[in-house]
N, C-alpha and C. Protein backbone atom coordinates (compact mmCIF):
# COMPACT_ATOMS: atom_id res chain seq x y z
N MET A 1 26.27 27.49 97.97
CA MET A 1 27.40 27.67 97.08
C MET A 1 28.63 26.97 97.66
N HIS A 2 28.92 27.07 98.91
CA HIS A 2 30.12 26.49 99.47
C HIS A 2 29.82 25.31 100.36
N GLY A 3 28.56 24.84 100.39
CA GLY A 3 28.22 23.67 101.18
C GLY A 3 28.37 23.86 102.67
N LEU A 4 28.18 25.11 103.16
CA LEU A 4 28.32 25.35 104.60
C LEU A 4 27.03 25.80 105.26
N THR A 5 25.99 26.00 104.49
CA THR A 5 24.72 26.51 105.00
C THR A 5 24.19 25.68 106.15
N SER A 6 24.28 24.37 106.08
CA SER A 6 23.72 23.54 107.11
C SER A 6 24.43 23.67 108.45
N ARG A 7 25.65 24.24 108.42
CA ARG A 7 26.44 24.41 109.66
C ARG A 7 26.67 25.87 109.98
N LYS A 8 25.85 26.71 109.46
CA LYS A 8 26.02 28.18 109.65
C LYS A 8 26.00 28.64 111.08
N ASP A 9 25.36 27.91 111.99
CA ASP A 9 25.30 28.32 113.41
C ASP A 9 26.43 27.67 114.21
N ASP A 10 27.24 26.83 113.62
CA ASP A 10 28.32 26.19 114.33
C ASP A 10 29.59 27.02 114.28
N LYS A 11 30.40 26.84 115.27
CA LYS A 11 31.72 27.54 115.30
C LYS A 11 32.66 26.86 114.29
N PRO A 12 33.41 27.66 113.56
CA PRO A 12 34.32 27.09 112.55
C PRO A 12 35.31 26.09 113.16
N LYS A 13 35.67 26.26 114.44
CA LYS A 13 36.64 25.29 115.00
C LYS A 13 36.06 23.88 115.05
N THR A 14 34.74 23.73 114.89
CA THR A 14 34.15 22.39 114.86
C THR A 14 34.08 21.85 113.46
N TYR A 15 34.47 22.58 112.44
CA TYR A 15 34.38 22.15 111.07
C TYR A 15 35.51 21.18 110.76
N SER A 16 35.23 20.31 109.75
CA SER A 16 36.26 19.46 109.20
C SER A 16 37.31 20.30 108.44
N GLY A 17 38.38 19.64 108.06
CA GLY A 17 39.42 20.33 107.26
C GLY A 17 38.86 20.89 105.94
N GLY A 18 38.07 20.07 105.28
CA GLY A 18 37.48 20.52 104.02
C GLY A 18 36.50 21.68 104.19
N MET A 19 35.73 21.67 105.28
CA MET A 19 34.82 22.79 105.52
C MET A 19 35.60 24.03 105.84
N LYS A 20 36.68 23.92 106.58
CA LYS A 20 37.52 25.08 106.88
C LYS A 20 38.11 25.66 105.63
N ARG A 21 38.56 24.80 104.73
CA ARG A 21 39.09 25.29 103.45
C ARG A 21 38.01 26.01 102.63
N ARG A 22 36.83 25.43 102.59
CA ARG A 22 35.73 26.07 101.86
C ARG A 22 35.37 27.43 102.46
N LEU A 23 35.38 27.45 103.81
CA LEU A 23 35.07 28.74 104.51
C LEU A 23 36.16 29.79 104.16
N ASN A 24 37.41 29.36 104.16
CA ASN A 24 38.53 30.27 103.81
C ASN A 24 38.30 30.87 102.43
N ILE A 25 37.95 30.02 101.50
CA ILE A 25 37.76 30.49 100.12
C ILE A 25 36.54 31.37 100.03
N ALA A 26 35.46 31.01 100.77
CA ALA A 26 34.25 31.84 100.76
C ALA A 26 34.56 33.25 101.28
N CYS A 27 35.36 33.32 102.33
CA CYS A 27 35.76 34.65 102.88
C CYS A 27 36.58 35.42 101.89
N SER A 28 37.50 34.71 101.15
CA SER A 28 38.39 35.39 100.22
C SER A 28 37.64 35.91 99.01
N ILE A 29 36.50 35.35 98.64
CA ILE A 29 35.77 35.81 97.45
C ILE A 29 34.53 36.63 97.77
N ALA A 30 34.26 36.84 99.05
CA ALA A 30 33.06 37.57 99.42
C ALA A 30 32.99 38.96 98.83
N HIS A 31 34.14 39.61 98.66
CA HIS A 31 34.21 40.96 98.12
C HIS A 31 34.39 40.96 96.58
N LYS A 32 34.26 39.78 95.97
CA LYS A 32 34.36 39.64 94.49
C LYS A 32 35.66 40.23 93.98
N PRO A 33 36.82 39.63 94.39
CA PRO A 33 38.10 40.18 93.94
C PRO A 33 38.33 39.93 92.40
N GLU A 34 39.11 40.79 91.82
CA GLU A 34 39.50 40.61 90.47
C GLU A 34 40.59 39.53 90.32
N ILE A 35 41.42 39.43 91.38
CA ILE A 35 42.49 38.43 91.44
C ILE A 35 42.36 37.66 92.71
N LEU A 36 42.51 36.37 92.60
CA LEU A 36 42.41 35.48 93.78
C LEU A 36 43.72 34.65 93.80
N ILE A 37 44.47 34.71 94.88
CA ILE A 37 45.70 33.96 95.02
C ILE A 37 45.51 32.84 96.03
N LEU A 38 45.71 31.60 95.60
CA LEU A 38 45.52 30.45 96.45
C LEU A 38 46.77 29.57 96.51
N ASP A 39 47.17 29.18 97.67
CA ASP A 39 48.36 28.37 97.85
C ASP A 39 47.93 26.97 98.37
N GLU A 40 47.93 26.03 97.45
CA GLU A 40 47.57 24.65 97.78
C GLU A 40 46.28 24.49 98.58
N PRO A 41 45.18 25.03 98.02
CA PRO A 41 43.92 25.03 98.76
C PRO A 41 43.27 23.65 98.99
N THR A 42 43.76 22.63 98.34
CA THR A 42 43.09 21.33 98.42
C THR A 42 43.95 20.28 99.17
N VAL A 43 45.06 20.69 99.76
CA VAL A 43 45.90 19.74 100.47
C VAL A 43 45.20 19.20 101.74
N GLY A 44 45.20 17.92 101.85
CA GLY A 44 44.70 17.27 103.07
C GLY A 44 43.21 17.26 103.26
N ILE A 45 42.49 17.43 102.17
CA ILE A 45 41.00 17.39 102.31
C ILE A 45 40.40 16.21 101.56
N ASP A 46 39.15 15.92 101.86
CA ASP A 46 38.49 14.79 101.25
C ASP A 46 38.16 15.08 99.78
N PRO A 47 37.95 14.03 98.99
CA PRO A 47 37.68 14.23 97.56
C PRO A 47 36.46 15.05 97.26
N GLN A 48 35.45 14.96 98.07
CA GLN A 48 34.21 15.78 97.82
C GLN A 48 34.49 17.26 98.01
N SER A 49 35.22 17.59 99.10
CA SER A 49 35.58 19.02 99.27
C SER A 49 36.49 19.55 98.19
N ARG A 50 37.42 18.69 97.77
CA ARG A 50 38.35 19.05 96.70
C ARG A 50 37.55 19.35 95.40
N ASN A 51 36.65 18.44 95.08
CA ASN A 51 35.86 18.61 93.89
C ASN A 51 35.01 19.91 94.01
N HIS A 52 34.40 20.16 95.15
CA HIS A 52 33.61 21.36 95.32
C HIS A 52 34.43 22.61 95.11
N ILE A 53 35.62 22.65 95.73
CA ILE A 53 36.49 23.78 95.58
C ILE A 53 36.87 24.02 94.14
N LEU A 54 37.26 22.93 93.41
CA LEU A 54 37.67 23.06 91.98
C LEU A 54 36.51 23.55 91.14
N GLU A 55 35.30 23.05 91.42
CA GLU A 55 34.16 23.51 90.65
C GLU A 55 33.87 25.03 90.88
N ASP A 56 34.00 25.43 92.15
CA ASP A 56 33.79 26.87 92.44
C ASP A 56 34.88 27.70 91.76
N LEU A 57 36.10 27.23 91.74
CA LEU A 57 37.17 27.99 91.06
C LEU A 57 36.98 28.06 89.56
N LYS A 58 36.47 26.99 88.93
CA LYS A 58 36.18 27.04 87.51
C LYS A 58 35.08 28.08 87.24
N ARG A 59 34.10 28.09 88.11
CA ARG A 59 33.01 29.09 87.94
C ARG A 59 33.55 30.52 88.08
N LEU A 60 34.34 30.75 89.10
CA LEU A 60 34.94 32.06 89.28
C LEU A 60 35.79 32.47 88.07
N LYS A 61 36.58 31.54 87.56
CA LYS A 61 37.39 31.82 86.39
C LYS A 61 36.50 32.17 85.19
N ASN A 62 35.43 31.45 85.01
CA ASN A 62 34.50 31.72 83.88
C ASN A 62 33.82 33.07 84.06
N GLU A 63 33.70 33.52 85.30
CA GLU A 63 33.09 34.84 85.58
C GLU A 63 34.08 35.98 85.49
N GLY A 64 35.34 35.67 85.18
CA GLY A 64 36.31 36.69 84.93
C GLY A 64 37.36 36.92 86.02
N THR A 65 37.34 36.14 87.10
CA THR A 65 38.32 36.28 88.14
C THR A 65 39.65 35.66 87.66
N THR A 66 40.75 36.40 87.86
CA THR A 66 42.08 35.85 87.59
C THR A 66 42.50 35.06 88.84
N ILE A 67 42.90 33.82 88.63
CA ILE A 67 43.29 32.98 89.71
C ILE A 67 44.76 32.61 89.60
N ILE A 68 45.49 32.90 90.66
CA ILE A 68 46.90 32.46 90.75
C ILE A 68 46.88 31.33 91.75
N TYR A 69 47.34 30.15 91.29
CA TYR A 69 47.10 28.93 92.02
C TYR A 69 48.35 28.09 92.10
N THR A 70 48.84 27.88 93.33
CA THR A 70 50.03 27.02 93.46
C THR A 70 49.59 25.64 93.99
N THR A 71 50.15 24.61 93.42
CA THR A 71 49.82 23.24 93.85
C THR A 71 50.88 22.27 93.35
N HIS A 72 50.89 21.12 94.00
CA HIS A 72 51.70 20.01 93.52
C HIS A 72 50.82 19.00 92.77
N TYR A 73 49.52 19.26 92.70
CA TYR A 73 48.58 18.37 92.06
C TYR A 73 48.36 18.83 90.60
N MET A 74 49.07 18.19 89.70
CA MET A 74 49.03 18.63 88.28
C MET A 74 47.65 18.41 87.67
N GLU A 75 46.91 17.43 88.14
CA GLU A 75 45.57 17.23 87.57
C GLU A 75 44.64 18.39 87.87
N GLU A 76 44.88 19.07 89.01
CA GLU A 76 44.08 20.25 89.31
C GLU A 76 44.40 21.39 88.33
N ILE A 77 45.69 21.57 88.03
CA ILE A 77 46.09 22.57 87.08
C ILE A 77 45.47 22.29 85.72
N GLU A 78 45.46 21.05 85.32
CA GLU A 78 44.89 20.68 84.02
C GLU A 78 43.43 21.03 83.94
N GLN A 79 42.77 21.03 85.11
CA GLN A 79 41.29 21.37 85.12
C GLN A 79 41.04 22.86 85.07
N ILE A 80 41.91 23.68 85.68
CA ILE A 80 41.56 25.12 85.86
C ILE A 80 42.47 26.12 85.21
N ALA A 81 43.62 25.73 84.77
CA ALA A 81 44.59 26.71 84.30
C ALA A 81 44.53 27.02 82.80
N ASP A 82 44.81 28.24 82.47
CA ASP A 82 45.01 28.63 81.08
C ASP A 82 46.51 28.65 80.79
N ARG A 83 47.27 29.23 81.73
CA ARG A 83 48.71 29.34 81.61
C ARG A 83 49.35 28.70 82.82
N VAL A 84 50.55 28.15 82.61
CA VAL A 84 51.30 27.46 83.69
C VAL A 84 52.69 27.99 83.75
N ILE A 85 53.17 28.19 84.97
CA ILE A 85 54.53 28.49 85.25
C ILE A 85 55.07 27.36 86.11
N ILE A 86 56.07 26.66 85.65
CA ILE A 86 56.68 25.54 86.44
C ILE A 86 57.94 26.12 87.13
N VAL A 87 57.91 25.91 88.48
CA VAL A 87 58.96 26.40 89.33
C VAL A 87 59.64 25.22 89.91
N ASP A 88 61.00 25.22 89.93
CA ASP A 88 61.74 24.16 90.57
C ASP A 88 62.92 24.77 91.30
N ASN A 89 63.06 24.38 92.55
CA ASN A 89 64.14 24.96 93.41
C ASN A 89 64.06 26.49 93.41
N GLY A 90 62.83 27.02 93.44
CA GLY A 90 62.66 28.46 93.54
C GLY A 90 62.91 29.23 92.29
N LYS A 91 63.09 28.57 91.17
CA LYS A 91 63.36 29.25 89.91
C LYS A 91 62.32 28.85 88.84
N LYS A 92 61.90 29.83 88.07
CA LYS A 92 60.97 29.52 86.96
C LYS A 92 61.77 28.79 85.88
N ILE A 93 61.31 27.59 85.50
CA ILE A 93 62.02 26.85 84.48
C ILE A 93 61.23 26.69 83.19
N GLU A 94 59.94 26.98 83.23
CA GLU A 94 59.09 26.85 82.02
C GLU A 94 57.85 27.63 82.22
N GLU A 95 57.26 28.07 81.11
CA GLU A 95 56.04 28.88 81.15
C GLU A 95 55.32 28.73 79.79
N GLY A 96 54.00 28.67 79.81
CA GLY A 96 53.21 28.64 78.63
C GLY A 96 51.80 28.09 78.89
N THR A 97 51.07 27.90 77.83
CA THR A 97 49.77 27.25 77.98
C THR A 97 50.01 25.79 78.14
N ILE A 98 49.05 25.05 78.66
CA ILE A 98 49.19 23.64 78.86
C ILE A 98 49.47 22.95 77.52
N GLY A 99 48.75 23.32 76.50
CA GLY A 99 48.93 22.75 75.17
C GLY A 99 50.33 23.01 74.62
N GLU A 100 50.78 24.24 74.77
CA GLU A 100 52.14 24.61 74.25
C GLU A 100 53.22 23.74 74.96
N LEU A 101 53.08 23.62 76.26
CA LEU A 101 54.11 22.86 77.01
C LEU A 101 54.06 21.37 76.68
N LEU A 102 52.86 20.81 76.63
CA LEU A 102 52.73 19.38 76.33
C LEU A 102 53.28 19.10 74.91
N ASP A 103 52.99 19.98 73.98
CA ASP A 103 53.51 19.83 72.61
C ASP A 103 55.05 19.94 72.57
N LYS A 104 55.57 20.94 73.29
CA LYS A 104 57.03 21.18 73.25
C LYS A 104 57.78 19.95 73.81
N TYR A 105 57.28 19.35 74.83
CA TYR A 105 57.95 18.20 75.41
C TYR A 105 57.42 16.87 75.05
N SER A 106 56.43 16.83 74.14
CA SER A 106 55.83 15.59 73.65
C SER A 106 55.36 14.71 74.83
N GLU A 107 54.68 15.36 75.78
CA GLU A 107 54.11 14.69 76.93
C GLU A 107 52.60 14.65 76.84
N GLU A 108 51.99 13.68 77.50
CA GLU A 108 50.54 13.53 77.50
C GLU A 108 49.82 14.28 78.62
N ASN A 109 50.51 14.59 79.73
CA ASN A 109 49.94 15.26 80.86
C ASN A 109 50.98 16.11 81.57
N LEU A 110 50.48 16.99 82.43
CA LEU A 110 51.40 17.86 83.13
C LEU A 110 52.31 17.13 84.15
N GLU A 111 51.81 16.09 84.76
CA GLU A 111 52.64 15.38 85.71
C GLU A 111 53.86 14.77 85.05
N SER A 112 53.65 14.14 83.93
CA SER A 112 54.77 13.59 83.15
C SER A 112 55.70 14.67 82.69
N LEU A 113 55.17 15.77 82.27
CA LEU A 113 55.97 16.91 81.81
C LEU A 113 56.81 17.43 82.98
N PHE A 114 56.18 17.65 84.13
CA PHE A 114 56.87 18.14 85.28
C PHE A 114 58.05 17.23 85.68
N LEU A 115 57.81 15.93 85.73
CA LEU A 115 58.84 14.97 86.11
C LEU A 115 59.92 14.95 85.04
N ASP A 116 59.56 15.11 83.78
CA ASP A 116 60.52 15.11 82.70
C ASP A 116 61.51 16.31 82.82
N ILE A 117 61.01 17.46 83.12
CA ILE A 117 61.86 18.62 83.14
C ILE A 117 62.51 18.93 84.52
N THR A 118 61.93 18.37 85.59
CA THR A 118 62.56 18.63 86.93
C THR A 118 63.25 17.39 87.46
N GLY A 119 63.05 16.23 86.87
CA GLY A 119 63.72 15.01 87.33
C GLY A 119 62.85 14.24 88.31
N LYS A 120 63.22 13.00 88.45
CA LYS A 120 62.41 12.08 89.29
C LYS A 120 63.10 11.79 90.64
N ASN A 121 64.22 12.42 90.90
CA ASN A 121 64.92 12.21 92.16
C ASN A 121 64.12 12.76 93.33
N LEU A 122 64.09 12.10 94.44
CA LEU A 122 63.44 12.57 95.61
C LEU A 122 64.04 13.87 96.12
N ARG A 123 63.24 14.75 96.71
CA ARG A 123 63.67 15.96 97.24
C ARG A 123 63.60 16.01 98.78
N ASP A 124 64.38 16.88 99.39
CA ASP A 124 64.35 17.00 100.85
C ASP A 124 63.03 17.61 101.24
């Protein structure tokens, strides 16, 4: 399920970043939580691990787990989210389904929408 079976006898400190992320998620879902909170679970990992994590999260969502997911990667949100809250400078500035927000702002994707309503200026 998490692509770790072949390394089950190895110490986690020998795992790659992607394997460590998958192990963290495996530990967090072992007790079958109703709600799973993840803060940028795919930052700094390889595309294969990222894909594996997103596929697992889609499966969990389809099985009824509520997932609260923070990320800067809008394409991930487009894959797994039903509802979106956009936060800028620590304040909620928009909320709704992806379709509602894209229609409201006449944007084609969440990244364009995010940049449209938060601005394109660099941040500290």
